[in-house]
Protein backbone atom coordinates (compact mmCIF):
# COMPACT_ATOMS: atom_id res chain seq x y z
CA GLY A 1 30.58 -55.47 73.55
CA GLY A 2 34.26 -56.25 73.70
CA SER A 3 36.44 -57.78 76.34
CA GLY A 4 38.62 -54.68 76.50
CA GLY A 5 41.51 -56.65 75.06
CA GLY A 6 43.34 -56.02 71.82
CA SER A 7 41.56 -58.75 69.89
CA SER A 8 39.10 -56.52 68.05
CA SER A 9 41.79 -54.04 66.98
CA SER A 10 43.95 -56.90 65.69
CA ARG A 11 41.20 -57.68 63.16
CA LYS A 12 41.43 -54.20 61.66
CA LYS A 13 43.13 -54.34 58.28
CA TRP A 14 42.81 -50.85 56.83
CA PHE A 15 42.39 -47.28 58.07
CA MET A 16 40.51 -44.78 55.93
CA LYS A 17 40.25 -41.01 56.34
CA SER A 18 37.81 -39.12 54.16
CA ASN A 19 36.12 -35.78 53.91
CA GLU A 20 32.42 -35.78 54.81
CA LYS A 21 31.65 -34.52 51.30
CA ASN A 22 33.12 -37.61 49.63
CA PHE A 23 30.80 -40.29 48.29
CA LEU A 24 32.03 -43.83 48.82
CA PHE A 25 31.05 -47.13 47.28
CA GLU A 26 32.13 -49.28 50.20
CA ASP A 27 31.89 -52.59 48.32
CA ASN A 28 34.10 -51.25 45.52
CA LEU A 29 36.68 -50.00 48.01
CA LEU A 30 36.74 -53.32 49.87
CA ASP A 31 37.06 -55.23 46.58
CA ALA A 32 40.01 -53.04 45.56
CA LEU A 33 41.69 -53.37 48.95
CA SER A 34 41.27 -57.15 48.91
CA LEU A 35 43.81 -57.26 46.07
CA HIS A 36 46.49 -56.00 48.46
CA ASP A 37 48.12 -57.49 51.55
CA TYR A 38 47.26 -55.39 54.61
CA ASN A 39 50.36 -56.81 56.34
CA SER A 40 52.51 -54.98 53.77
CA THR A 41 52.88 -51.22 53.75
CA HIS A 42 50.34 -49.53 51.49
CA TYR A 43 49.15 -45.96 51.16
CA PHE A 44 46.35 -45.11 48.75
CA GLY A 45 45.51 -41.48 48.25
CA ARG A 46 46.86 -38.20 47.07
CA MET A 47 50.08 -36.66 48.39
CA GLU A 48 50.84 -32.96 48.42
CA TYR A 49 54.27 -31.39 48.80
CA ASN A 50 54.58 -28.49 51.22
CA VAL A 51 57.43 -26.35 49.89
CA ALA A 52 57.78 -24.31 53.08
CA LEU A 53 58.12 -27.42 55.25
CA GLU A 54 59.96 -29.44 52.59
CA THR A 55 57.84 -32.51 53.21
CA TYR A 56 54.91 -34.48 51.83
CA PHE A 57 51.59 -34.95 53.57
CA ALA A 58 48.41 -36.93 52.99
CA LEU A 59 45.64 -34.84 51.50
CA ALA A 60 42.50 -35.59 53.51
CA ASN A 61 40.05 -33.84 51.18
CA THR A 62 40.39 -36.61 48.61
CA GLY A 63 40.58 -39.33 51.25
CA TYR A 64 43.30 -41.85 51.93
CA VAL A 65 43.74 -45.43 53.11
CA PHE A 66 46.60 -46.93 55.15
CA SER A 67 47.25 -50.64 55.57
CA ARG A 68 47.71 -52.12 59.05
CA ALA A 69 51.46 -52.41 58.43
CA THR A 70 51.68 -48.74 57.45
CA LEU A 71 49.82 -47.69 60.60
CA ARG A 72 52.21 -49.74 62.70
CA GLN A 73 55.16 -47.92 61.15
CA ILE A 74 53.48 -44.56 61.66
CA GLY A 75 52.65 -45.49 65.25
CA GLU A 76 56.33 -45.89 66.04
CA HIS A 77 56.78 -42.17 65.33
CA LEU A 78 53.64 -40.66 66.88
CA ASP A 79 55.28 -39.49 70.09
CA SER A 80 58.01 -37.62 68.22
CA CYS A 81 55.40 -36.21 65.80
CA ARG A 82 53.37 -34.87 68.71
CA GLU A 83 56.49 -33.19 70.10
CA GLU A 84 57.36 -31.72 66.70
CA ASN A 85 53.78 -30.63 65.95
CA LYS A 86 54.21 -27.32 67.74
CA LEU A 87 57.31 -26.57 65.68
CA VAL A 88 55.53 -27.54 62.45
CA THR A 89 52.61 -25.28 63.34
CA ILE A 90 55.00 -22.38 63.92
CA LYS A 91 56.74 -23.07 60.60
CA GLN A 92 53.40 -23.22 58.79
CA ARG A 93 52.30 -19.93 60.31
CA GLN A 94 55.60 -18.32 59.32
CA ALA A 95 55.35 -19.69 55.75
CA VAL A 96 51.85 -18.30 55.34
CA SER A 97 52.93 -14.97 56.77
CA ASP A 98 55.95 -14.84 54.47
CA GLU A 99 53.82 -15.68 51.44
CA ALA A 100 51.29 -13.01 52.36
CA GLY A 101 54.07 -10.45 52.90
CA VAL A 102 53.17 -9.78 56.52
CA SER A 103 55.30 -10.09 59.60
CA GLY A 104 55.37 -13.53 61.19
CA GLY A 105 53.49 -14.76 64.23
CA ASP A 106 54.65 -14.52 67.79
CA GLY A 107 56.47 -17.86 67.59
CA GLY A 108 54.22 -19.31 70.26
CA GLY A 109 52.04 -22.40 69.99
């Protein structure tokens, strides 16, 4: 059990997201990550470019790893990302509709 304080989270060095179908050799991953400083920004994984949104995103199917420093930088932008998420969803829906040659969605969330 924890004290409820931030001490346990401060020990976290890396964040990994992976598809349930991926097979992972944990020792190999930890050995590879130990060669890098988790207090520096690091992203390991595959990036995809979304032409419709004109931006890159992390591809979860292959898995990715963020260092603590990277997560801290991302964290500074989470509130604005949450606010923009509805707009991104609308843009994605419109891009798919345009590509399929059908009329766009209702514009709602």
